[in-house]
Amino acid sequence: MTDITETHVTSPAPSRSTKRIRWSQVFDHAILCTGAFFMLFPVLMVLMTTSFEDADIVRNGLQFGFEGQMLENFDAAMFEAAGFSKAITGTRMLMNSLILGFGFAIGKIVISMMAAYAIVYFRLRFATFAFWIIFTTLLLPLEVRILPSYEAIQSLGLANTYSGLIIPLIASATGTFFFRQFFRSIPEELVEAARIDGAGPIKFFIDILVPLSRTMIAAIFIIMFVYGWNQYLWPTLITTDEGMFTLVRGIKQIVQVLSQTGAMIPEYGKALALSLIAMIPPVLIVIFFQSWFVKGLTESDK
């Protein structure tokens, strides 16, 4: 009689479940990558074109690939004098644009916060009516009020000044609307507590409302800075002194000057380099305040 030994057959270990591909996510990312490519491709073309000589740009248009002229074009764009009188550099235009952008954004935030504060907390009889009057100014673009604003600035002697560039544009119905919505979301108990502690209107505004509004301030700052930075029509009208030109204004002026003075080859490489430099500050502002920007806009809906 033979012994039959039991043999234990070990079952194979279960194979790891393979992750299923979610084609919906693949499709979404493909759309995002395609959109990013279409937005960044013109910037890449401009960057490549700045590395070519002006003669090649005039002859062949936008270029593909890189040559050895890039550093020279950027150096000329920032430090070489330009304009009819050769009295302005790219560095000066960059500084003018920064002053316009920051002054524009800060001025709009201050005026908008004060207007919203008065509408929400001072319980004026016609506060709602006043707000809607302010809000309807959104229907009046700059082109509609450009001539009265220009006449007022000229009569006050503010042409070719930073005050003339900034002050006529700092009233903002958009900023007033967002700050009004945000102030209305603040609990009434906080106002009562501040009143019991003896906080007056100014102290309540500075010590309580302003710190609570940091995310909203960041969101409005981004919108207004980019809007002010990209202003072209108003600086074109109000600045005739080349020392007051902004980047957006000066890029066009460089090409016009070289063409009108009979130059054989306009300095397109220099102008394209300035256009790339003009994109850097708004991009940095958006990247730096991105999280606050999203948070500020979502908090306005609460």
C-alpha atoms as a PDB file:
ATOM      1  CA  MET A   1       0.000   0.000   0.000  1.00  0.00           C
ATOM      2  CA  THR A   2       1.612   3.126  -1.072  1.00  0.00           C
ATOM      3  CA  ASP A   3       1.396   6.323   0.965  1.00  0.00           C
ATOM      4  CA  ILE A   4      -0.169   9.099  -0.813  1.00  0.00           C
ATOM      5  CA  THR A   5       1.208  12.410   0.445  1.00  0.00           C
ATOM      6  CA  GLU A   6      -0.947  15.423   0.139  1.00  0.00           C
ATOM      7  CA  THR A   7       0.452  18.045  -2.061  1.00  0.00           C
ATOM      8  CA  HIS A   8      -0.519  21.583  -1.296  1.00  0.00           C
ATOM      9  CA  VAL A   9      -1.044  23.560  -4.432  1.00  0.00           C
ATOM     10  CA  THR A  10      -0.508  27.216  -3.856  1.00  0.00           C
ATOM     11  CA  SER A  11      -2.802  29.402  -5.816  1.00  0.00           C
ATOM     12  CA  PRO A  12      -1.114  32.209  -7.738  1.00  0.00           C
ATOM     13  CA  ALA A  13      -1.102  35.599  -6.038  1.00  0.00           C
ATOM     14  CA  PRO A  14      -3.832  37.851  -7.293  1.00  0.00           C
ATOM     15  CA  SER A  15      -2.501  40.208  -9.888  1.00  0.00           C
ATOM     16  CA  ARG A  16      -2.630  43.868  -9.106  1.00  0.00           C
ATOM     17  CA  SER A  17      -5.625  45.477 -10.625  1.00  0.00           C
ATOM     18  CA  THR A  18      -4.507  47.662 -13.415  1.00  0.00           C
ATOM     19  CA  LYS A  19      -5.658  51.247 -13.266  1.00  0.00           C
ATOM     20  CA  ARG A  20      -8.345  51.941 -15.758  1.00  0.00           C
ATOM     21  CA  ILE A  21      -7.674  54.829 -18.032  1.00  0.00           C
ATOM     22  CA  ARG A  22     -10.230  57.549 -17.646  1.00  0.00           C
ATOM     23  CA  TRP A  23     -10.604  58.773 -21.170  1.00  0.00           C
ATOM     24  CA  SER A  24     -12.633  61.753 -20.040  1.00  0.00           C
ATOM     25  CA  GLN A  25      -9.614  63.060 -18.087  1.00  0.00           C
ATOM     26  CA  VAL A  26      -7.321  62.356 -21.028  1.00  0.00           C
ATOM     27  CA  PHE A  27      -9.660  64.305 -23.286  1.00  0.00           C
ATOM     28  CA  ASP A  28      -9.856  67.216 -20.811  1.00  0.00           C
ATOM     29  CA  HIS A  29      -6.071  67.416 -20.491  1.00  0.00           C
ATOM     30  CA  ALA A  30      -5.683  67.215 -24.243  1.00  0.00           C
ATOM     31  CA  ILE A  31      -7.979  70.211 -24.653  1.00  0.00           C
ATOM     32  CA  LEU A  32      -6.084  72.144 -21.966  1.00  0.00           C
ATOM     33  CA  CYS A  33      -2.705  71.350 -23.520  1.00  0.00           C
ATOM     34  CA  THR A  34      -3.972  72.323 -26.970  1.00  0.00           C
ATOM     35  CA  GLY A  35      -5.316  75.626 -25.686  1.00  0.00           C
ATOM     36  CA  ALA A  36      -2.059  76.346 -23.837  1.00  0.00           C
ATOM     37  CA  PHE A  37      -0.081  75.576 -26.991  1.00  0.00           C
ATOM     38  CA  PHE A  38      -2.148  77.952 -29.123  1.00  0.00           C
ATOM     39  CA  MET A  39      -1.726  80.717 -26.538  1.00  0.00           C
ATOM     40  CA  LEU A  40       2.008  80.224 -26.007  1.00  0.00           C
ATOM     41  CA  PHE A  41       3.012  79.528 -29.597  1.00  0.00           C
ATOM     42  CA  PRO A  42       2.810  83.194 -30.742  1.00  0.00           C
ATOM     43  CA  VAL A  43       4.932  84.199 -27.733  1.00  0.00           C
ATOM     44  CA  LEU A  44       7.487  81.546 -28.656  1.00  0.00           C
ATOM     45  CA  MET A  45       7.540  82.802 -32.247  1.00  0.00           C
ATOM     46  CA  VAL A  46       8.184  86.360 -31.075  1.00  0.00           C
ATOM     47  CA  LEU A  47      10.967  85.132 -28.783  1.00  0.00           C
ATOM     48  CA  MET A  48      12.608  83.252 -31.651  1.00  0.00           C
ATOM     49  CA  THR A  49      12.216  86.220 -33.992  1.00  0.00           C
ATOM     50  CA  THR A  50      14.055  88.553 -31.585  1.00  0.00           C
ATOM     51  CA  SER A  51      17.183  86.455 -32.119  1.00  0.00           C
ATOM     52  CA  PHE A  52      17.310  87.389 -35.826  1.00  0.00           C
ATOM     53  CA  GLU A  53      18.605  90.541 -37.459  1.00  0.00           C
ATOM     54  CA  ASP A  54      16.155  93.209 -38.582  1.00  0.00           C
ATOM     55  CA  ALA A  55      16.904  92.564 -42.258  1.00  0.00           C
ATOM     56  CA  ASP A  56      15.843  88.919 -41.898  1.00  0.00           C
ATOM     57  CA  ILE A  57      12.658  89.935 -40.104  1.00  0.00           C
ATOM     58  CA  VAL A  58      11.755  92.472 -42.790  1.00  0.00           C
ATOM     59  CA  ARG A  59      12.500  89.991 -45.559  1.00  0.00           C
ATOM     60  CA  ASN A  60      10.937  86.820 -44.118  1.00  0.00           C
ATOM     61  CA  GLY A  61       8.600  87.933 -41.331  1.00  0.00           C
ATOM     62  CA  LEU A  62       8.375  85.931 -38.113  1.00  0.00           C
ATOM     63  CA  GLN A  63      11.148  83.375 -37.836  1.00  0.00           C
ATOM     64  CA  PHE A  64      11.527  79.824 -36.533  1.00  0.00           C
ATOM     65  CA  GLY A  65      14.680  78.810 -34.719  1.00  0.00           C
ATOM     66  CA  PHE A  66      17.269  80.844 -32.861  1.00  0.00           C
ATOM     67  CA  GLU A  67      20.138  83.010 -34.040  1.00  0.00           C
ATOM     68  CA  GLY A  68      22.692  85.099 -32.175  1.00  0.00           C
ATOM     69  CA  GLN A  69      21.019  88.535 -32.132  1.00  0.00           C
ATOM     70  CA  MET A  70      18.770  88.081 -29.081  1.00  0.00           C
ATOM     71  CA  LEU A  71      20.973  89.628 -26.390  1.00  0.00           C
ATOM     72  CA  GLU A  72      21.768  92.612 -28.601  1.00  0.00           C
ATOM     73  CA  ASN A  73      18.077  93.246 -29.289  1.00  0.00           C
ATOM     74  CA  PHE A  74      17.103  93.043 -25.612  1.00  0.00           C
ATOM     75  CA  ASP A  75      20.008  95.282 -24.620  1.00  0.00           C
ATOM     76  CA  ALA A  76      18.999  97.853 -27.246  1.00  0.00           C
ATOM     77  CA  ALA A  77      15.346  97.618 -26.182  1.00  0.00           C
ATOM     78  CA  MET A  78      16.128  98.395 -22.529  1.00  0.00           C
ATOM     79  CA  PHE A  79      19.052 100.813 -22.679  1.00  0.00           C
ATOM     80  CA  GLU A  80      19.248 102.367 -26.157  1.00  0.00           C
ATOM     81  CA  ALA A  81      17.567 105.758 -26.606  1.00  0.00           C
ATOM     82  CA  ALA A  82      14.573 105.768 -28.921  1.00  0.00           C
ATOM     83  CA  GLY A  83      11.829 108.075 -30.183  1.00  0.00           C
ATOM     84  CA  PHE A  84      11.883 111.171 -32.375  1.00  0.00           C
ATOM     85  CA  SER A  85      14.093 113.046 -29.906  1.00  0.00           C
ATOM     86  CA  LYS A  86      16.044 109.966 -28.784  1.00  0.00           C
ATOM     87  CA  ALA A  87      15.169 110.899 -25.208  1.00  0.00           C
ATOM     88  CA  ILE A  88      13.615 107.715 -23.847  1.00  0.00           C
ATOM     89  CA  THR A  89      14.775 104.179 -23.190  1.00  0.00           C
ATOM     90  CA  GLY A  90      12.950 100.931 -22.551  1.00  0.00           C
ATOM     91  CA  THR A  91      13.868 101.190 -18.863  1.00  0.00           C
ATOM     92  CA  ARG A  92      12.150 104.576 -18.628  1.00  0.00           C
ATOM     93  CA  MET A  93       9.051 103.288 -20.418  1.00  0.00           C
ATOM     94  CA  LEU A  94       8.967 100.277 -18.086  1.00  0.00           C
ATOM     95  CA  MET A  95       9.080 102.559 -15.066  1.00  0.00           C
ATOM     96  CA  ASN A  96       6.268 104.725 -16.498  1.00  0.00           C
ATOM     97  CA  SER A  97       4.146 101.635 -17.076  1.00  0.00           C
ATOM     98  CA  LEU A  98       4.764 100.391 -13.535  1.00  0.00           C
ATOM     99  CA  ILE A  99       3.769 103.761 -12.082  1.00  0.00           C
ATOM    100  CA  LEU A 100       0.622 103.781 -14.217  1.00  0.00           C
ATOM    101  CA  GLY A 101      -0.259 100.170 -13.359  1.00  0.00           C
ATOM    102  CA  PHE A 102       0.292 100.446  -9.600  1.00  0.00           C
ATOM    103  CA  GLY A 103      -1.256 103.913  -9.348  1.00  0.00           C
ATOM    104  CA  PHE A 104      -4.229 102.789 -11.401  1.00  0.00           C
ATOM    105  CA  ALA A 105      -4.814  99.652  -9.295  1.00  0.00           C
ATOM    106  CA  ILE A 106      -4.228 101.258  -5.885  1.00  0.00           C
ATOM    107  CA  GLY A 107      -6.350 104.295  -6.730  1.00  0.00           C
ATOM    108  CA  LYS A 108      -9.257 102.166  -7.922  1.00  0.00           C
ATOM    109  CA  ILE A 109      -9.089  99.958  -4.814  1.00  0.00           C
ATOM    110  CA  VAL A 110      -9.098 102.941  -2.424  1.00  0.00           C
ATOM    111  CA  ILE A 111     -11.956 104.734  -4.176  1.00  0.00           C
ATOM    112  CA  SER A 112     -13.988 101.539  -4.597  1.00  0.00           C
ATOM    113  CA  MET A 113     -13.587 100.509  -0.951  1.00  0.00           C
ATOM    114  CA  MET A 114     -14.622 103.944   0.308  1.00  0.00           C
ATOM    115  CA  ALA A 115     -17.654 104.051  -1.987  1.00  0.00           C
ATOM    116  CA  ALA A 116     -18.756 100.536  -1.016  1.00  0.00           C
ATOM    117  CA  TYR A 117     -18.206 101.296   2.673  1.00  0.00           C
ATOM    118  CA  ALA A 118     -20.443 104.355   2.473  1.00  0.00           C
ATOM    119  CA  ILE A 119     -23.156 102.479   0.554  1.00  0.00           C
ATOM    120  CA  VAL A 120     -23.259  99.453   2.888  1.00  0.00           C
ATOM    121  CA  TYR A 121     -22.645 100.847   6.380  1.00  0.00           C
ATOM    122  CA  PHE A 122     -23.842 104.447   6.438  1.00  0.00           C
ATOM    123  CA  ARG A 123     -27.514 103.559   5.855  1.00  0.00           C
ATOM    124  CA  LEU A 124     -28.090 106.408   3.456  1.00  0.00           C
ATOM    125  CA  ARG A 125     -31.639 106.829   2.212  1.00  0.00           C
ATOM    126  CA  PHE A 126     -30.706 106.635  -1.446  1.00  0.00           C
ATOM    127  CA  ALA A 127     -27.718 104.304  -1.054  1.00  0.00           C
ATOM    128  CA  THR A 128     -29.135 101.585  -3.308  1.00  0.00           C
ATOM    129  CA  PHE A 129     -30.122 104.117  -5.943  1.00  0.00           C
ATOM    130  CA  ALA A 130     -26.647 105.685  -5.785  1.00  0.00           C
ATOM    131  CA  PHE A 131     -25.072 102.262  -6.190  1.00  0.00           C
ATOM    132  CA  TRP A 132     -27.071 101.510  -9.322  1.00  0.00           C
ATOM    133  CA  ILE A 133     -26.176 104.918 -10.740  1.00  0.00           C
ATOM    134  CA  ILE A 134     -22.522 104.020 -10.193  1.00  0.00           C
ATOM    135  CA  PHE A 135     -23.052 100.569 -11.659  1.00  0.00           C
ATOM    136  CA  THR A 136     -24.641 101.917 -14.840  1.00  0.00           C
ATOM    137  CA  THR A 137     -21.387 103.726 -15.629  1.00  0.00           C
ATOM    138  CA  LEU A 138     -20.149 100.327 -16.816  1.00  0.00           C
ATOM    139  CA  LEU A 139     -22.277 100.989 -19.887  1.00  0.00           C
ATOM    140  CA  LEU A 140     -20.122 104.025 -20.697  1.00  0.00           C
ATOM    141  CA  PRO A 141     -16.747 102.911 -22.047  1.00  0.00           C
ATOM    142  CA  LEU A 142     -13.691 105.128 -22.007  1.00  0.00           C
ATOM    143  CA  GLU A 143     -14.248 106.144 -25.634  1.00  0.00           C
ATOM    144  CA  VAL A 144     -17.545 107.838 -24.697  1.00  0.00           C
ATOM    145  CA  ARG A 145     -16.024 110.079 -22.005  1.00  0.00           C
ATOM    146  CA  ILE A 146     -12.596 110.457 -23.546  1.00  0.00           C
ATOM    147  CA  LEU A 147     -13.081 114.002 -24.897  1.00  0.00           C
ATOM    148  CA  PRO A 148     -14.546 115.536 -21.691  1.00  0.00           C
ATOM    149  CA  SER A 149     -11.798 113.869 -19.662  1.00  0.00           C
ATOM    150  CA  TYR A 150      -9.153 115.170 -22.058  1.00  0.00           C
ATOM    151  CA  GLU A 151     -10.545 118.715 -21.893  1.00  0.00           C
ATOM    152  CA  ALA A 152     -10.603 118.615 -18.099  1.00  0.00           C
ATOM    153  CA  ILE A 153      -7.008 117.395 -17.867  1.00  0.00           C
ATOM    154  CA  GLN A 154      -5.797 119.998 -20.356  1.00  0.00           C
ATOM    155  CA  SER A 155      -7.558 122.824 -18.512  1.00  0.00           C
ATOM    156  CA  LEU A 156      -6.021 121.700 -15.210  1.00  0.00           C
ATOM    157  CA  GLY A 157      -2.542 121.547 -16.723  1.00  0.00           C
ATOM    158  CA  LEU A 158      -2.097 117.849 -15.952  1.00  0.00           C
ATOM    159  CA  ALA A 159      -1.070 116.732 -19.441  1.00  0.00           C
ATOM    160  CA  ASN A 160       2.235 114.843 -19.541  1.00  0.00           C
ATOM    161  CA  THR A 161       2.041 114.094 -15.807  1.00  0.00           C
ATOM    162  CA  TYR A 162       1.454 110.931 -13.833  1.00  0.00           C
ATOM    163  CA  SER A 163      -1.542 112.563 -12.172  1.00  0.00           C
ATOM    164  CA  GLY A 164      -3.115 113.179 -15.566  1.00  0.00           C
ATOM    165  CA  LEU A 165      -2.511 109.555 -16.540  1.00  0.00           C
ATOM    166  CA  ILE A 166      -3.988 108.044 -13.384  1.00  0.00           C
ATOM    167  CA  ILE A 167      -6.587 110.274 -11.711  1.00  0.00           C
ATOM    168  CA  PRO A 168      -9.236 110.444 -14.500  1.00  0.00           C
ATOM    169  CA  LEU A 169      -9.481 106.642 -14.623  1.00  0.00           C
ATOM    170  CA  ILE A 170      -9.467 105.572 -10.964  1.00  0.00           C
ATOM    171  CA  ALA A 171     -13.245 105.578 -10.423  1.00  0.00           C
ATOM    172  CA  SER A 172     -14.389 101.964 -10.778  1.00  0.00           C
ATOM    173  CA  ALA A 173     -17.944 100.633 -10.815  1.00  0.00           C
ATOM    174  CA  THR A 174     -16.594  97.077 -11.013  1.00  0.00           C
ATOM    175  CA  GLY A 175     -14.500  97.478  -7.878  1.00  0.00           C
ATOM    176  CA  THR A 176     -17.378  99.145  -6.037  1.00  0.00           C
ATOM    177  CA  PHE A 177     -19.671  96.252  -6.944  1.00  0.00           C
ATOM    178  CA  PHE A 178     -17.279  93.562  -5.705  1.00  0.00           C
ATOM    179  CA  PHE A 179     -16.452  95.355  -2.453  1.00  0.00           C
ATOM    180  CA  ARG A 180     -20.141  96.034  -1.819  1.00  0.00           C
ATOM    181  CA  GLN A 181     -20.930  92.345  -2.210  1.00  0.00           C
ATOM    182  CA  PHE A 182     -18.064  91.420   0.100  1.00  0.00           C
ATOM    183  CA  PHE A 183     -19.002  93.945   2.800  1.00  0.00           C
ATOM    184  CA  ARG A 184     -22.590  92.698   2.776  1.00  0.00           C
ATOM    185  CA  SER A 185     -21.329  89.173   3.551  1.00  0.00           C
ATOM    186  CA  ILE A 186     -19.664  90.338   6.799  1.00  0.00           C
ATOM    187  CA  PRO A 187     -21.826  89.382   9.831  1.00  0.00           C
ATOM    188  CA  GLU A 188     -23.778  92.177  11.459  1.00  0.00           C
ATOM    189  CA  GLU A 189     -22.610  90.906  14.861  1.00  0.00           C
ATOM    190  CA  LEU A 190     -19.076  92.006  13.991  1.00  0.00           C
ATOM    191  CA  VAL A 191     -20.301  95.543  13.372  1.00  0.00           C
ATOM    192  CA  GLU A 192     -22.184  95.572  16.672  1.00  0.00           C
ATOM    193  CA  ALA A 193     -19.150  94.247  18.561  1.00  0.00           C
ATOM    194  CA  ALA A 194     -16.943  96.933  17.046  1.00  0.00           C
ATOM    195  CA  ARG A 195     -19.495  99.583  17.983  1.00  0.00           C
ATOM    196  CA  ILE A 196     -19.640  98.297  21.601  1.00  0.00           C
ATOM    197  CA  ASP A 197     -15.836  98.386  21.799  1.00  0.00           C
ATOM    198  CA  GLY A 198     -15.948 102.045  20.837  1.00  0.00           C
ATOM    199  CA  ALA A 199     -14.611 101.731  17.283  1.00  0.00           C
ATOM    200  CA  GLY A 200     -15.640 104.703  15.175  1.00  0.00           C
ATOM    201  CA  PRO A 201     -16.258 104.596  11.419  1.00  0.00           C
ATOM    202  CA  ILE A 202     -12.622 105.233  10.477  1.00  0.00           C
ATOM    203  CA  LYS A 203     -11.204 102.762  13.009  1.00  0.00           C
ATOM    204  CA  PHE A 204     -13.714 100.094  11.949  1.00  0.00           C
ATOM    205  CA  PHE A 205     -12.790 100.627   8.310  1.00  0.00           C
ATOM    206  CA  ILE A 206      -9.008 100.553   8.792  1.00  0.00           C
ATOM    207  CA  ASP A 207      -8.637  97.988  11.589  1.00  0.00           C
ATOM    208  CA  ILE A 208     -11.406  95.544  10.684  1.00  0.00           C
ATOM    209  CA  LEU A 209     -12.673  95.873   7.125  1.00  0.00           C
ATOM    210  CA  VAL A 210      -9.323  96.335   5.404  1.00  0.00           C
ATOM    211  CA  PRO A 211      -7.681  93.231   6.999  1.00  0.00           C
ATOM    212  CA  LEU A 212     -10.791  91.155   6.269  1.00  0.00           C
ATOM    213  CA  SER A 213     -10.731  92.324   2.639  1.00  0.00           C
ATOM    214  CA  ARG A 214      -7.186  91.191   1.840  1.00  0.00           C
ATOM    215  CA  THR A 215      -8.221  88.461  -0.585  1.00  0.00           C
ATOM    216  CA  MET A 216     -10.725  90.740  -2.308  1.00  0.00           C
ATOM    217  CA  ILE A 217      -8.115  93.502  -2.519  1.00  0.00           C
ATOM    218  CA  ALA A 218      -5.695  91.053  -4.166  1.00  0.00           C
ATOM    219  CA  ALA A 219      -8.316  89.956  -6.698  1.00  0.00           C
ATOM    220  CA  ILE A 220      -9.266  93.533  -7.625  1.00  0.00           C
ATOM    221  CA  PHE A 221      -5.594  94.539  -7.701  1.00  0.00           C
ATOM    222  CA  ILE A 222      -4.797  91.933 -10.368  1.00  0.00           C
ATOM    223  CA  ILE A 223      -7.718  92.967 -12.569  1.00  0.00           C
ATOM    224  CA  MET A 224      -7.020  96.675 -12.287  1.00  0.00           C
ATOM    225  CA  PHE A 225      -3.245  96.401 -12.643  1.00  0.00           C
ATOM    226  CA  VAL A 226      -3.524  94.439 -15.880  1.00  0.00           C
ATOM    227  CA  TYR A 227      -6.199  96.832 -17.156  1.00  0.00           C
ATOM    228  CA  GLY A 228      -4.078  99.875 -16.335  1.00  0.00           C
ATOM    229  CA  TRP A 229      -0.897  98.296 -17.700  1.00  0.00           C
ATOM    230  CA  ASN A 230      -2.535  97.643 -21.067  1.00  0.00           C
ATOM    231  CA  GLN A 231      -3.954 101.159 -21.452  1.00  0.00           C
ATOM    232  CA  TYR A 232      -3.121 102.572 -24.876  1.00  0.00           C
ATOM    233  CA  LEU A 233      -5.741 105.120 -25.936  1.00  0.00           C
ATOM    234  CA  TRP A 234      -5.600 107.348 -22.854  1.00  0.00           C
ATOM    235  CA  PRO A 235      -1.763 107.537 -22.631  1.00  0.00           C
ATOM    236  CA  THR A 236      -1.662 108.232 -26.362  1.00  0.00           C
ATOM    237  CA  LEU A 237      -3.926 111.279 -25.926  1.00  0.00           C
ATOM    238  CA  ILE A 238      -2.558 112.674 -22.693  1.00  0.00           C
ATOM    239  CA  THR A 239       1.204 112.214 -23.239  1.00  0.00           C
ATOM    240  CA  THR A 240       3.044 114.082 -25.946  1.00  0.00           C
ATOM    241  CA  ASP A 241       6.369 114.196 -24.094  1.00  0.00           C
ATOM    242  CA  GLU A 242       8.382 111.114 -25.002  1.00  0.00           C
ATOM    243  CA  GLY A 243       9.707 110.941 -21.445  1.00  0.00           C
ATOM    244  CA  MET A 244       6.171 109.986 -20.318  1.00  0.00           C
ATOM    245  CA  PHE A 245       5.620 107.178 -22.810  1.00  0.00           C
ATOM    246  CA  THR A 246       4.577 103.801 -21.447  1.00  0.00           C
ATOM    247  CA  LEU A 247       5.704 100.475 -22.891  1.00  0.00           C
ATOM    248  CA  VAL A 248       2.449  99.829 -24.710  1.00  0.00           C
ATOM    249  CA  ARG A 249       2.619 103.322 -26.193  1.00  0.00           C
ATOM    250  CA  GLY A 250       6.347 103.211 -26.919  1.00  0.00           C
ATOM    251  CA  ILE A 251       6.416  99.926 -28.826  1.00  0.00           C
ATOM    252  CA  LYS A 252       4.314 101.405 -31.609  1.00  0.00           C
ATOM    253  CA  GLN A 253       6.258 104.657 -31.471  1.00  0.00           C
ATOM    254  CA  ILE A 254       9.575 102.915 -32.117  1.00  0.00           C
ATOM    255  CA  VAL A 255       8.396 101.429 -35.407  1.00  0.00           C
ATOM    256  CA  GLN A 256       6.688 104.676 -36.470  1.00  0.00           C
ATOM    257  CA  VAL A 257       9.764 106.779 -35.792  1.00  0.00           C
ATOM    258  CA  LEU A 258      12.078 104.546 -37.756  1.00  0.00           C
ATOM    259  CA  SER A 259       9.668 104.363 -40.680  1.00  0.00           C
ATOM    260  CA  GLN A 260       8.876 108.075 -40.802  1.00  0.00           C
ATOM    261  CA  THR A 261      12.480 109.218 -40.554  1.00  0.00           C
ATOM    262  CA  GLY A 262      13.381 107.331 -43.721  1.00  0.00           C
ATOM    263  CA  ALA A 263      15.276 104.467 -42.106  1.00  0.00           C
ATOM    264  CA  MET A 264      15.795 101.642 -44.524  1.00  0.00           C
ATOM    265  CA  ILE A 265      15.162  98.881 -41.967  1.00  0.00           C
ATOM    266  CA  PRO A 266      12.911  99.460 -38.954  1.00  0.00           C
ATOM    267  CA  GLU A 267      14.179  97.895 -35.728  1.00  0.00           C
ATOM    268  CA  TYR A 268      11.550  95.198 -35.434  1.00  0.00           C
ATOM    269  CA  GLY A 269      13.810  93.080 -33.247  1.00  0.00           C
ATOM    270  CA  LYS A 270      13.948  95.853 -30.665  1.00  0.00           C
ATOM    271  CA  ALA A 271      10.184  96.369 -30.800  1.00  0.00           C
ATOM    272  CA  LEU A 272       9.515  92.636 -30.396  1.00  0.00           C
ATOM    273  CA  ALA A 273      11.889  92.483 -27.442  1.00  0.00           C
ATOM    274  CA  LEU A 274       9.977  95.329 -25.787  1.00  0.00           C
ATOM    275  CA  SER A 275       6.705  93.495 -26.367  1.00  0.00           C
ATOM    276  CA  LEU A 276       8.084  90.463 -24.523  1.00  0.00           C
ATOM    277  CA  ILE A 277       9.308  92.644 -21.670  1.00  0.00           C
ATOM    278  CA  ALA A 278       5.863  94.253 -21.478  1.00  0.00           C
ATOM    279  CA  MET A 279       4.296  90.848 -20.761  1.00  0.00           C
ATOM    280  CA  ILE A 280       6.496  90.021 -17.771  1.00  0.00           C
ATOM    281  CA  PRO A 281       5.086  92.283 -14.981  1.00  0.00           C
ATOM    282  CA  PRO A 282       1.389  91.311 -15.490  1.00  0.00           C
ATOM    283  CA  VAL A 283       2.346  87.625 -15.607  1.00  0.00           C
ATOM    284  CA  LEU A 284       4.338  87.954 -12.365  1.00  0.00           C
ATOM    285  CA  ILE A 285       1.479  89.794 -10.660  1.00  0.00           C
ATOM    286  CA  VAL A 286      -1.013  87.095 -11.682  1.00  0.00           C
ATOM    287  CA  ILE A 287       1.291  84.269 -10.546  1.00  0.00           C
ATOM    288  CA  PHE A 288       2.026  85.918  -7.198  1.00  0.00           C
ATOM    289  CA  PHE A 289      -1.611  86.715  -6.358  1.00  0.00           C
ATOM    290  CA  GLN A 290      -3.200  83.693  -8.056  1.00  0.00           C
ATOM    291  CA  SER A 291      -4.458  81.913  -4.925  1.00  0.00           C
ATOM    292  CA  TRP A 292      -5.745  85.145  -3.378  1.00  0.00           C
ATOM    293  CA  PHE A 293      -7.374  86.055  -6.689  1.00  0.00           C
ATOM    294  CA  VAL A 294      -9.454  82.855  -6.796  1.00  0.00           C
ATOM    295  CA  LYS A 295     -10.283  83.045  -3.102  1.00  0.00           C
ATOM    296  CA  GLY A 296     -11.282  86.682  -3.329  1.00  0.00           C
ATOM    297  CA  LEU A 297     -13.673  86.138  -6.238  1.00  0.00           C
ATOM    298  CA  THR A 298     -15.297  83.094  -4.593  1.00  0.00           C
ATOM    299  CA  GLU A 299     -15.743  84.902  -1.289  1.00  0.00           C
ATOM    300  CA  SER A 300     -17.678  87.668  -3.025  1.00  0.00           C
ATOM    301  CA  ASP A 301     -20.460  85.165  -3.758  1.00  0.00           C
ATOM    302  CA  LYS A 302     -21.014  84.155  -0.136  1.00  0.00           C
END
